[in-house]
Amino acid sequence: MNANLCVERVLDDLADKVGRILDATPLAILGPILGDMDLQVRRAVESIPVEKKKPKAAILLDTLGGVVELVERMVGTLRHHFSELHFLIPDHAMSAGTIFAMSGDAIWMDYFACLGPIDPQIERDGKLVPALS
């Protein structure tokens, strides 16, 4: 069996367990909040069969941040489909990730996990840099 497929199956099983424990639809958002992440979230949520979608979403979030406008669009999408948003942060949610987590109804964190400062960024020469610089 392909190693990626094996890992994918284990992660799917763990997501199902989290969903059952919290009585929620499990979602994972991992990595930077950039590019078309808002569209990826929309497509993922809209592809969940109605019979599997619960009123509450449990979102595993691990990010160093990104673009806050994308966060706003993702929150709009998630609030359209779910009445409650619970964020699970096993390690870190920085900058735009902090704003994202704070949009939820509950934040669940490991004792070692952290939220970061909200550090506005602007694009300069194709890279994100702190707005204050």
N, C-alpha and C. Protein backbone atom coordinates (compact mmCIF):
# COMPACT_ATOMS: atom_id res chain seq x y z
N MET A 1 0.84 -1.18 0.00
CA MET A 1 0.00 0.00 0.00
C MET A 1 0.89 1.25 0.00
N ASN A 2 0.48 2.24 -0.74
CA ASN A 2 1.17 3.53 -0.82
C ASN A 2 1.21 4.18 0.57
N ALA A 3 2.39 4.71 0.96
CA ALA A 3 2.55 5.32 2.29
C ALA A 3 1.62 6.52 2.46
N ASN A 4 1.46 7.33 1.42
CA ASN A 4 0.57 8.50 1.53
C ASN A 4 -0.86 8.07 1.76
N LEU A 5 -1.29 7.02 1.08
CA LEU A 5 -2.65 6.52 1.26
C LEU A 5 -2.85 6.00 2.67
N CYS A 6 -1.84 5.33 3.20
CA CYS A 6 -1.90 4.82 4.57
C CYS A 6 -2.04 5.97 5.58
N VAL A 7 -1.23 7.00 5.42
CA VAL A 7 -1.29 8.16 6.31
C VAL A 7 -2.65 8.84 6.19
N GLU A 8 -3.13 8.96 4.96
CA GLU A 8 -4.43 9.58 4.72
C GLU A 8 -5.55 8.83 5.45
N ARG A 9 -5.50 7.52 5.40
CA ARG A 9 -6.53 6.71 6.08
C ARG A 9 -6.47 6.88 7.60
N VAL A 10 -5.26 6.91 8.15
CA VAL A 10 -5.10 7.12 9.60
C VAL A 10 -5.66 8.48 9.99
N LEU A 11 -5.33 9.52 9.21
CA LEU A 11 -5.82 10.86 9.50
C LEU A 11 -7.34 10.94 9.39
N ASP A 12 -7.91 10.26 8.39
CA ASP A 12 -9.37 10.22 8.24
C ASP A 12 -10.01 9.56 9.45
N ASP A 13 -9.43 8.47 9.93
CA ASP A 13 -9.96 7.78 11.11
C ASP A 13 -9.91 8.69 12.34
N LEU A 14 -8.78 9.39 12.51
CA LEU A 14 -8.66 10.30 13.65
C LEU A 14 -9.66 11.46 13.55
N ALA A 15 -9.85 11.98 12.35
CA ALA A 15 -10.82 13.06 12.15
C ALA A 15 -12.22 12.58 12.50
N ASP A 16 -12.56 11.36 12.09
CA ASP A 16 -13.87 10.79 12.42
C ASP A 16 -14.05 10.67 13.93
N LYS A 17 -13.00 10.25 14.63
CA LYS A 17 -13.09 10.13 16.09
C LYS A 17 -13.31 11.48 16.74
N VAL A 18 -12.58 12.50 16.29
CA VAL A 18 -12.76 13.86 16.83
C VAL A 18 -14.19 14.32 16.57
N GLY A 19 -14.68 14.08 15.37
CA GLY A 19 -16.05 14.45 15.03
C GLY A 19 -17.08 13.79 15.93
N ARG A 20 -16.88 12.50 16.21
CA ARG A 20 -17.83 11.79 17.09
C ARG A 20 -17.75 12.32 18.52
N ILE A 21 -16.54 12.54 19.03
CA ILE A 21 -16.37 13.01 20.41
C ILE A 21 -17.02 14.39 20.59
N LEU A 22 -16.81 15.29 19.64
CA LEU A 22 -17.34 16.65 19.77
C LEU A 22 -18.71 16.81 19.11
N ASP A 23 -19.24 15.73 18.54
CA ASP A 23 -20.50 15.78 17.80
C ASP A 23 -20.45 16.92 16.78
N ALA A 24 -19.41 16.88 15.93
CA ALA A 24 -19.15 17.95 14.99
C ALA A 24 -18.62 17.39 13.67
N THR A 25 -18.70 18.21 12.65
CA THR A 25 -18.08 17.90 11.37
C THR A 25 -16.61 18.29 11.46
N PRO A 26 -15.69 17.34 11.30
CA PRO A 26 -14.27 17.68 11.40
C PRO A 26 -13.72 18.27 10.11
N LEU A 27 -12.88 19.30 10.27
CA LEU A 27 -12.18 19.93 9.14
C LEU A 27 -10.75 20.18 9.59
N ALA A 28 -9.82 20.25 8.66
CA ALA A 28 -8.43 20.56 8.99
C ALA A 28 -7.94 21.66 8.06
N ILE A 29 -7.33 22.68 8.66
CA ILE A 29 -6.71 23.76 7.90
C ILE A 29 -5.29 23.86 8.41
N LEU A 30 -4.37 23.40 7.58
CA LEU A 30 -2.97 23.30 7.97
C LEU A 30 -2.11 24.05 6.97
N GLY A 31 -1.21 24.90 7.46
CA GLY A 31 -0.31 25.63 6.58
C GLY A 31 -0.70 27.08 6.46
N PRO A 32 0.01 27.80 5.60
CA PRO A 32 -0.23 29.23 5.47
C PRO A 32 -1.60 29.54 4.86
N ILE A 33 -2.18 30.63 5.27
CA ILE A 33 -3.47 31.08 4.76
C ILE A 33 -3.18 32.05 3.62
N LEU A 34 -2.96 31.48 2.46
CA LEU A 34 -2.55 32.24 1.29
C LEU A 34 -3.26 31.71 0.04
N GLY A 35 -3.09 32.43 -1.06
CA GLY A 35 -3.57 31.97 -2.36
C GLY A 35 -5.07 31.79 -2.40
N ASP A 36 -5.49 30.58 -2.77
CA ASP A 36 -6.92 30.30 -2.89
C ASP A 36 -7.45 29.45 -1.73
N MET A 37 -6.85 29.62 -0.55
CA MET A 37 -7.28 28.84 0.62
C MET A 37 -8.78 29.03 0.88
N ASP A 38 -9.30 30.24 0.67
CA ASP A 38 -10.72 30.48 0.89
C ASP A 38 -11.57 29.63 -0.05
N LEU A 39 -11.15 29.50 -1.29
CA LEU A 39 -11.89 28.66 -2.25
C LEU A 39 -11.75 27.18 -1.91
N GLN A 40 -10.58 26.78 -1.44
CA GLN A 40 -10.39 25.39 -1.03
C GLN A 40 -11.32 25.03 0.13
N VAL A 41 -11.45 25.94 1.09
CA VAL A 41 -12.34 25.71 2.23
C VAL A 41 -13.78 25.61 1.75
N ARG A 42 -14.17 26.54 0.87
CA ARG A 42 -15.54 26.51 0.34
C ARG A 42 -15.82 25.18 -0.37
N ARG A 43 -14.92 24.78 -1.25
CA ARG A 43 -15.12 23.52 -1.99
C ARG A 43 -15.18 22.32 -1.05
N ALA A 44 -14.30 22.32 -0.05
CA ALA A 44 -14.28 21.19 0.89
C ALA A 44 -15.59 21.11 1.67
N VAL A 45 -16.05 22.25 2.16
CA VAL A 45 -17.29 22.26 2.96
C VAL A 45 -18.49 21.89 2.10
N GLU A 46 -18.54 22.44 0.89
CA GLU A 46 -19.68 22.15 0.02
C GLU A 46 -19.68 20.72 -0.50
N SER A 47 -18.53 20.04 -0.42
CA SER A 47 -18.48 18.64 -0.89
C SER A 47 -18.89 17.64 0.20
N ILE A 48 -19.09 18.12 1.43
CA ILE A 48 -19.51 17.22 2.51
C ILE A 48 -20.97 16.84 2.29
N PRO A 49 -21.27 15.55 2.23
CA PRO A 49 -22.66 15.13 2.04
C PRO A 49 -23.55 15.67 3.17
N VAL A 50 -24.74 16.10 2.83
CA VAL A 50 -25.67 16.70 3.79
C VAL A 50 -25.90 15.80 4.99
N GLU A 51 -26.00 14.48 4.74
CA GLU A 51 -26.28 13.56 5.84
C GLU A 51 -25.10 13.42 6.81
N LYS A 52 -23.91 13.84 6.39
CA LYS A 52 -22.73 13.77 7.27
C LYS A 52 -22.42 15.10 7.94
N LYS A 53 -23.08 16.18 7.51
CA LYS A 53 -22.78 17.51 8.03
C LYS A 53 -23.57 17.77 9.31
N LYS A 54 -22.83 18.08 10.38
CA LYS A 54 -23.44 18.41 11.68
C LYS A 54 -23.56 19.94 11.79
N PRO A 55 -24.38 20.44 12.71
CA PRO A 55 -24.49 21.89 12.87
C PRO A 55 -23.20 22.54 13.39
N LYS A 56 -22.35 21.74 14.04
CA LYS A 56 -21.10 22.26 14.60
C LYS A 56 -19.92 21.76 13.77
N ALA A 57 -18.91 22.63 13.59
CA ALA A 57 -17.67 22.24 12.92
C ALA A 57 -16.54 22.24 13.94
N ALA A 58 -15.68 21.22 13.87
CA ALA A 58 -14.47 21.15 14.68
C ALA A 58 -13.30 21.32 13.72
N ILE A 59 -12.63 22.46 13.80
CA ILE A 59 -11.59 22.82 12.84
C ILE A 59 -10.22 22.68 13.47
N LEU A 60 -9.45 21.71 12.99
CA LEU A 60 -8.07 21.56 13.41
C LEU A 60 -7.28 22.62 12.66
N LEU A 61 -6.65 23.54 13.40
CA LEU A 61 -5.97 24.68 12.80
C LEU A 61 -4.51 24.71 13.23
N ASP A 62 -3.63 24.73 12.26
CA ASP A 62 -2.20 24.89 12.52
C ASP A 62 -1.63 25.76 11.40
N THR A 63 -1.27 27.00 11.75
CA THR A 63 -0.82 27.94 10.73
C THR A 63 0.10 29.00 11.32
N LEU A 64 1.01 29.47 10.48
CA LEU A 64 1.85 30.61 10.85
C LEU A 64 1.19 31.91 10.44
N GLY A 65 0.01 31.83 9.83
CA GLY A 65 -0.74 33.03 9.46
C GLY A 65 -0.89 33.18 7.97
N GLY A 66 -1.16 34.42 7.57
CA GLY A 66 -1.37 34.68 6.15
C GLY A 66 -2.17 35.94 5.95
N VAL A 67 -3.10 35.89 5.02
CA VAL A 67 -3.86 37.05 4.59
C VAL A 67 -5.21 37.09 5.31
N VAL A 68 -5.45 38.18 6.03
CA VAL A 68 -6.65 38.29 6.85
C VAL A 68 -7.92 38.35 6.01
N GLU A 69 -7.85 38.88 4.78
CA GLU A 69 -9.03 38.92 3.92
C GLU A 69 -9.50 37.50 3.58
N LEU A 70 -8.57 36.58 3.45
CA LEU A 70 -8.95 35.18 3.21
C LEU A 70 -9.63 34.59 4.44
N VAL A 71 -9.14 34.97 5.62
CA VAL A 71 -9.77 34.51 6.86
C VAL A 71 -11.22 34.98 6.91
N GLU A 72 -11.44 36.24 6.56
CA GLU A 72 -12.80 36.79 6.58
C GLU A 72 -13.72 35.99 5.66
N ARG A 73 -13.23 35.66 4.48
CA ARG A 73 -14.05 34.87 3.54
C ARG A 73 -14.27 33.44 4.05
N MET A 74 -13.25 32.84 4.67
CA MET A 74 -13.41 31.48 5.21
C MET A 74 -14.41 31.47 6.35
N VAL A 75 -14.35 32.48 7.22
CA VAL A 75 -15.31 32.56 8.33
C VAL A 75 -16.72 32.70 7.77
N GLY A 76 -16.89 33.54 6.75
CA GLY A 76 -18.21 33.70 6.13
C GLY A 76 -18.74 32.38 5.59
N THR A 77 -17.88 31.63 4.92
CA THR A 77 -18.27 30.33 4.39
C THR A 77 -18.64 29.37 5.51
N LEU A 78 -17.79 29.29 6.53
CA LEU A 78 -18.05 28.35 7.62
C LEU A 78 -19.31 28.73 8.40
N ARG A 79 -19.52 30.03 8.64
CA ARG A 79 -20.73 30.47 9.35
C ARG A 79 -21.99 30.24 8.52
N HIS A 80 -21.86 30.24 7.20
CA HIS A 80 -23.00 29.95 6.33
C HIS A 80 -23.44 28.50 6.48
N HIS A 81 -22.48 27.60 6.70
CA HIS A 81 -22.77 26.17 6.74
C HIS A 81 -22.91 25.58 8.14
N PHE A 82 -22.35 26.26 9.15
CA PHE A 82 -22.35 25.71 10.51
C PHE A 82 -22.82 26.77 11.51
N SER A 83 -23.56 26.32 12.52
CA SER A 83 -24.03 27.26 13.55
C SER A 83 -23.00 27.47 14.65
N GLU A 84 -22.06 26.53 14.79
CA GLU A 84 -20.99 26.66 15.79
C GLU A 84 -19.66 26.28 15.16
N LEU A 85 -18.61 27.03 15.55
CA LEU A 85 -17.26 26.73 15.10
C LEU A 85 -16.37 26.53 16.32
N HIS A 86 -15.77 25.34 16.41
CA HIS A 86 -14.82 25.04 17.47
C HIS A 86 -13.46 24.84 16.84
N PHE A 87 -12.47 25.58 17.31
CA PHE A 87 -11.12 25.48 16.78
C PHE A 87 -10.26 24.65 17.71
N LEU A 88 -9.55 23.68 17.15
CA LEU A 88 -8.62 22.83 17.88
C LEU A 88 -7.22 23.21 17.42
N ILE A 89 -6.41 23.70 18.34
CA ILE A 89 -5.07 24.17 17.99
C ILE A 89 -4.05 23.32 18.74
N PRO A 90 -3.46 22.34 18.04
CA PRO A 90 -2.50 21.46 18.71
C PRO A 90 -1.13 22.10 18.90
N ASP A 91 -0.78 23.08 18.06
CA ASP A 91 0.56 23.67 18.14
C ASP A 91 0.50 25.19 18.09
N HIS A 92 0.18 25.77 16.94
CA HIS A 92 0.14 27.22 16.88
C HIS A 92 -0.82 27.74 15.81
N ALA A 93 -1.35 28.92 16.09
CA ALA A 93 -2.15 29.69 15.14
C ALA A 93 -1.68 31.13 15.29
N MET A 94 -0.89 31.57 14.33
CA MET A 94 -0.27 32.89 14.44
C MET A 94 -0.97 33.89 13.52
N SER A 95 -0.87 35.16 13.90
CA SER A 95 -1.29 36.29 13.07
C SER A 95 -2.72 36.09 12.54
N ALA A 96 -2.89 35.90 11.23
CA ALA A 96 -4.22 35.70 10.65
C ALA A 96 -4.88 34.44 11.24
N GLY A 97 -4.07 33.47 11.64
CA GLY A 97 -4.60 32.27 12.28
C GLY A 97 -5.21 32.58 13.64
N THR A 98 -4.63 33.54 14.35
CA THR A 98 -5.20 33.98 15.63
C THR A 98 -6.57 34.61 15.40
N ILE A 99 -6.66 35.46 14.39
CA ILE A 99 -7.94 36.09 14.07
C ILE A 99 -8.97 35.02 13.71
N PHE A 100 -8.54 34.04 12.93
CA PHE A 100 -9.41 32.95 12.51
C PHE A 100 -9.95 32.21 13.74
N ALA A 101 -9.06 31.82 14.64
CA ALA A 101 -9.47 31.10 15.84
C ALA A 101 -10.41 31.93 16.71
N MET A 102 -10.15 33.23 16.78
CA MET A 102 -10.99 34.09 17.62
C MET A 102 -12.39 34.29 17.04
N SER A 103 -12.60 33.90 15.78
CA SER A 103 -13.93 33.99 15.18
C SER A 103 -14.83 32.86 15.66
N GLY A 104 -14.25 31.89 16.34
CA GLY A 104 -15.01 30.71 16.73
C GLY A 104 -15.79 30.87 18.02
N ASP A 105 -16.58 29.86 18.31
CA ASP A 105 -17.37 29.81 19.54
C ASP A 105 -16.57 29.20 20.68
N ALA A 106 -15.54 28.43 20.34
CA ALA A 106 -14.68 27.81 21.35
C ALA A 106 -13.31 27.56 20.73
N ILE A 107 -12.28 27.67 21.58
CA ILE A 107 -10.92 27.38 21.16
C ILE A 107 -10.38 26.32 22.11
N TRP A 108 -9.95 25.19 21.56
CA TRP A 108 -9.38 24.09 22.33
C TRP A 108 -7.90 24.03 21.99
N MET A 109 -7.05 24.12 23.01
CA MET A 109 -5.61 24.14 22.77
C MET A 109 -4.89 23.17 23.69
N ASP A 110 -3.80 22.61 23.18
CA ASP A 110 -2.88 21.84 23.99
C ASP A 110 -2.21 22.81 24.97
N TYR A 111 -1.73 22.32 26.10
CA TYR A 111 -1.10 23.21 27.07
C TYR A 111 0.14 23.91 26.51
N PHE A 112 0.75 23.35 25.48
CA PHE A 112 1.96 23.91 24.89
C PHE A 112 1.66 24.75 23.64
N ALA A 113 0.41 24.73 23.20
CA ALA A 113 0.02 25.45 21.98
C ALA A 113 -0.02 26.95 22.25
N CYS A 114 0.03 27.72 21.16
CA CYS A 114 -0.01 29.17 21.34
C CYS A 114 -0.74 29.86 20.21
N LEU A 115 -1.33 30.98 20.57
CA LEU A 115 -1.85 31.94 19.60
C LEU A 115 -0.79 33.02 19.48
N GLY A 116 -0.67 33.61 18.33
CA GLY A 116 0.37 34.62 18.14
C GLY A 116 -0.18 36.02 18.08
N PRO A 117 0.70 36.99 18.03
CA PRO A 117 0.25 38.37 17.90
C PRO A 117 -0.37 38.59 16.52
N ILE A 118 -1.25 39.55 16.47
CA ILE A 118 -1.85 39.90 15.19
C ILE A 118 -0.91 40.92 14.54
N ASP A 119 -0.23 40.48 13.49
CA ASP A 119 0.82 41.25 12.85
C ASP A 119 0.40 41.57 11.43
N PRO A 120 -0.19 42.77 11.20
CA PRO A 120 -0.65 43.10 9.85
C PRO A 120 0.49 43.02 8.83
N GLN A 121 0.19 42.41 7.70
CA GLN A 121 1.17 42.22 6.64
C GLN A 121 0.68 42.89 5.36
N ILE A 122 1.61 43.33 4.55
CA ILE A 122 1.29 43.82 3.22
C ILE A 122 2.21 43.11 2.23
N GLU A 123 1.79 43.09 0.99
CA GLU A 123 2.61 42.43 -0.01
C GLU A 123 3.57 43.45 -0.62
N ARG A 124 4.84 43.09 -0.66
CA ARG A 124 5.87 43.93 -1.27
C ARG A 124 6.79 43.01 -2.07
N ASP A 125 6.91 43.27 -3.35
CA ASP A 125 7.75 42.47 -4.23
C ASP A 125 7.41 40.98 -4.16
N GLY A 126 6.11 40.69 -4.09
CA GLY A 126 5.66 39.31 -4.08
C GLY A 126 5.79 38.58 -2.76
N LYS A 127 6.21 39.30 -1.69
CA LYS A 127 6.37 38.69 -0.38
C LYS A 127 5.56 39.46 0.65
N LEU A 128 5.12 38.75 1.71
CA LEU A 128 4.42 39.42 2.80
C LEU A 128 5.46 39.97 3.77
N VAL A 129 5.29 41.24 4.13
CA VAL A 129 6.20 41.89 5.09
C VAL A 129 5.36 42.63 6.12
N PRO A 130 5.86 42.82 7.34
CA PRO A 130 5.09 43.55 8.36
C PRO A 130 4.71 44.95 7.86
N ALA A 131 3.45 45.32 8.06
CA ALA A 131 2.96 46.61 7.58
C ALA A 131 3.71 47.78 8.22
N LEU A 132 4.15 47.62 9.44
CA LEU A 132 4.85 48.72 10.12
C LEU A 132 6.22 49.01 9.51
N SER A 133 6.80 48.03 8.82
CA SER A 133 8.12 48.28 8.22
C SER A 133 7.94 49.02 6.92
